[in-house]
Amino acid sequence: MICITCQGADKKSISELEDFQGTLKNLDPKNAEKLEKSIRKYGFTAPFFVWGNKLLDGHQRLKVLKTRFKPEEYPENGFPVVYVDAEDEYQAREKLLHITSQYGEFDVEELEAWISDIDADIAETLRLVDGEVALGSKDLAMSDFDEATDDDKPGTVCPKCGFEW
């Protein structure tokens, strides 16, 4: 049984949730595995954001729940949801893009301090953007989070920490 570790305004079953973003974002198998491990270890930690039954935030979690969990593992009374108001589909699409935007950037030293106090296995359940953070800890190297890809551009330097990729 999936442990629910958050609350929402309501609860909905997986079958009630409608995909709204289509193929806007992809989830590769490596990241799906990390997300599955996260849900198995920490539970369902944040509610889905919905407009009616249309999913605005949580598409990757929904994909993982549908493909890597058995329906008998789902909670009987559904998953927590938060309702997002939108006047129409156009406004709902705008809100989806705002919800999925990332405005903040990690402070590398603060992130290292946070992670040093947490179980080292956390690297198996997180996805941090390639090259965004370089952890100096012996136990947690950048490679623990995401391996470099062929698409990395040599010579790029992080202005905050000096990490090169």
Protein backbone atom coordinates (compact mmCIF):
# COMPACT_ATOMS: atom_id res chain seq x y z
CA MET A 1 0.00 0.00 0.00
CA ILE A 2 1.29 3.44 -0.94
CA CYS A 3 1.62 5.61 2.16
CA ILE A 4 0.02 9.05 1.85
CA THR A 5 2.21 11.61 3.64
CA CYS A 6 0.40 14.82 2.67
CA GLN A 7 -3.06 16.30 2.66
CA GLY A 8 -5.13 18.02 0.03
CA ALA A 9 -8.53 19.66 -0.34
CA ASP A 10 -10.03 16.40 -1.60
CA LYS A 11 -9.10 12.92 -2.82
CA LYS A 12 -9.45 11.36 -6.26
CA SER A 13 -8.83 7.90 -7.60
CA ILE A 14 -6.29 7.37 -10.37
CA SER A 15 -9.12 6.61 -12.79
CA GLU A 16 -10.67 10.05 -12.16
CA LEU A 17 -7.50 11.96 -13.08
CA GLU A 18 -7.23 13.08 -16.70
CA ASP A 19 -3.89 13.74 -18.38
CA PHE A 20 -3.83 17.38 -19.42
CA GLN A 21 -0.29 18.03 -20.65
CA GLY A 22 -0.03 15.20 -23.16
CA THR A 23 3.55 14.79 -24.36
CA LEU A 24 4.75 18.18 -23.09
CA LYS A 25 7.34 16.45 -20.88
CA ASN A 26 9.07 13.08 -21.10
CA LEU A 27 10.00 10.70 -18.30
CA ASP A 28 12.96 8.48 -19.10
CA PRO A 29 13.25 5.04 -17.44
CA LYS A 30 16.10 6.10 -15.12
CA ASN A 31 14.08 8.99 -13.71
CA ALA A 32 10.92 6.87 -13.52
CA GLU A 33 12.89 4.41 -11.38
CA LYS A 34 14.07 7.23 -9.09
CA LEU A 35 10.51 8.50 -8.74
CA GLU A 36 9.22 5.01 -7.98
CA LYS A 37 11.89 4.59 -5.28
CA SER A 38 10.95 7.96 -3.83
CA ILE A 39 7.26 7.04 -3.58
CA ARG A 40 8.05 3.61 -2.12
CA LYS A 41 10.45 5.06 0.47
CA TYR A 42 8.80 8.39 1.40
CA GLY A 43 5.21 7.85 0.31
CA PHE A 44 3.05 10.14 -1.77
CA THR A 45 4.44 13.44 -0.45
CA ALA A 46 2.63 16.19 -2.40
CA PRO A 47 -0.95 16.40 -3.66
CA PHE A 48 -1.86 16.43 -7.33
CA PHE A 49 -2.91 19.87 -8.62
CA VAL A 50 -6.10 19.59 -10.67
CA TRP A 51 -8.50 21.75 -12.62
CA GLY A 52 -11.68 19.76 -12.27
CA ASN A 53 -10.34 16.27 -13.02
CA LYS A 54 -7.64 17.50 -15.39
CA LEU A 55 -4.16 17.08 -13.96
CA LEU A 56 -2.08 20.29 -13.92
CA ASP A 57 0.77 19.02 -11.75
CA GLY A 58 1.79 15.44 -11.04
CA HIS A 59 1.92 13.90 -14.53
CA GLN A 60 5.19 12.07 -13.89
CA ARG A 61 3.90 10.71 -10.58
CA LEU A 62 0.71 9.60 -12.32
CA LYS A 63 2.72 7.80 -15.03
CA VAL A 64 4.84 6.04 -12.41
CA LEU A 65 1.80 5.08 -10.34
CA LYS A 66 0.07 3.60 -13.41
CA THR A 67 3.11 1.74 -14.76
CA ARG A 68 5.14 0.71 -11.72
CA PHE A 69 2.54 0.13 -9.03
CA LYS A 70 -0.33 -2.34 -8.89
CA PRO A 71 -3.84 -0.92 -8.38
CA GLU A 72 -4.07 -2.89 -5.13
CA GLU A 73 -1.20 -0.73 -3.82
CA TYR A 74 -3.27 2.46 -4.30
CA PRO A 75 -4.95 3.91 -1.21
CA GLU A 76 -8.63 2.93 -1.01
CA ASN A 77 -9.91 6.47 -0.67
CA GLY A 78 -7.75 7.98 -3.44
CA PHE A 79 -4.86 10.41 -3.69
CA PRO A 80 -4.86 13.96 -2.28
CA VAL A 81 -5.64 16.73 -4.75
CA VAL A 82 -5.59 20.52 -4.61
CA TYR A 83 -7.98 22.40 -6.87
CA VAL A 84 -6.56 25.16 -9.07
CA ASP A 85 -9.06 27.70 -10.39
CA ALA A 86 -9.03 28.53 -14.10
CA GLU A 87 -11.67 30.25 -16.20
CA ASP A 88 -11.05 28.08 -19.25
CA GLU A 89 -8.60 25.66 -20.86
CA TYR A 90 -6.36 28.48 -22.06
CA GLN A 91 -5.92 29.78 -18.51
CA ALA A 92 -5.46 26.21 -17.21
CA ARG A 93 -2.62 25.71 -19.72
CA GLU A 94 -0.99 28.96 -18.60
CA LYS A 95 -1.23 27.85 -14.97
CA LEU A 96 0.22 24.44 -15.80
CA LEU A 97 3.27 26.15 -17.30
CA HIS A 98 3.64 28.42 -14.26
CA ILE A 99 3.31 25.48 -11.86
CA THR A 100 6.00 23.48 -13.66
CA SER A 101 8.43 26.41 -13.97
CA GLN A 102 11.43 26.47 -11.66
CA TYR A 103 12.44 29.92 -10.55
CA GLY A 104 14.79 29.24 -7.67
CA GLU A 105 18.33 27.95 -7.91
CA PHE A 106 20.12 25.75 -5.40
CA ASP A 107 22.67 27.27 -3.10
CA VAL A 108 25.28 24.51 -3.36
CA GLU A 109 26.70 24.93 0.16
CA GLU A 110 23.24 24.90 1.72
CA LEU A 111 22.24 21.86 -0.33
CA GLU A 112 25.36 20.02 0.81
CA ALA A 113 24.48 20.85 4.43
CA TRP A 114 20.93 19.56 3.97
CA ILE A 115 22.09 16.35 2.34
CA SER A 116 24.85 15.71 4.89
CA ASP A 117 22.14 15.38 7.56
CA ILE A 118 20.04 12.97 5.48
CA ASP A 119 20.41 9.30 4.62
CA ALA A 120 22.97 8.89 1.80
CA ASP A 121 20.45 6.72 -0.11
CA ILE A 122 18.53 9.89 -0.97
CA ALA A 123 20.58 10.14 -4.17
CA GLU A 124 18.61 7.15 -5.50
CA THR A 125 15.34 9.08 -5.17
CA LEU A 126 16.25 12.60 -6.36
CA ARG A 127 16.78 14.11 -9.75
CA LEU A 128 18.78 17.29 -9.82
CA VAL A 129 19.50 18.96 -13.15
CA ASP A 130 22.82 17.90 -14.69
CA GLY A 131 25.56 20.37 -13.91
CA GLU A 132 23.34 22.47 -11.68
CA VAL A 133 24.96 21.22 -8.50
CA ALA A 134 28.29 19.64 -7.72
CA LEU A 135 28.29 18.12 -4.29
CA GLY A 136 31.71 18.00 -2.63
CA SER A 137 30.80 15.30 -0.13
CA LYS A 138 32.68 11.98 -0.34
CA ASP A 139 29.43 10.08 -0.07
CA LEU A 140 27.36 12.15 -2.48
CA ALA A 141 28.95 13.11 -5.76
CA MET A 142 27.15 14.71 -8.68
CA SER A 143 27.30 11.33 -10.44
CA ASP A 144 25.07 9.92 -7.69
CA PHE A 145 22.27 12.16 -8.87
CA ASP A 146 22.49 12.29 -12.65
CA GLU A 147 25.26 11.11 -14.88
CA ALA A 148 26.54 13.45 -17.56
CA THR A 149 25.09 12.96 -20.99
CA ASP A 150 26.57 13.26 -24.46
CA ASP A 151 24.62 16.50 -24.78
CA ASP A 152 26.74 18.22 -22.13
CA LYS A 153 28.67 21.15 -23.54
CA PRO A 154 32.33 21.11 -22.53
CA GLY A 155 33.62 24.31 -21.05
CA THR A 156 30.44 25.39 -19.27
CA VAL A 157 31.18 26.74 -15.77
CA CYS A 158 28.71 27.29 -12.93
CA PRO A 159 29.02 30.95 -11.88
CA LYS A 160 28.25 30.10 -8.24
CA CYS A 161 30.51 27.14 -7.48
CA GLY A 162 32.94 26.94 -10.42
CA PHE A 163 31.87 23.41 -11.37
CA GLU A 164 32.78 22.69 -15.00
CA TRP A 165 30.94 20.38 -17.36
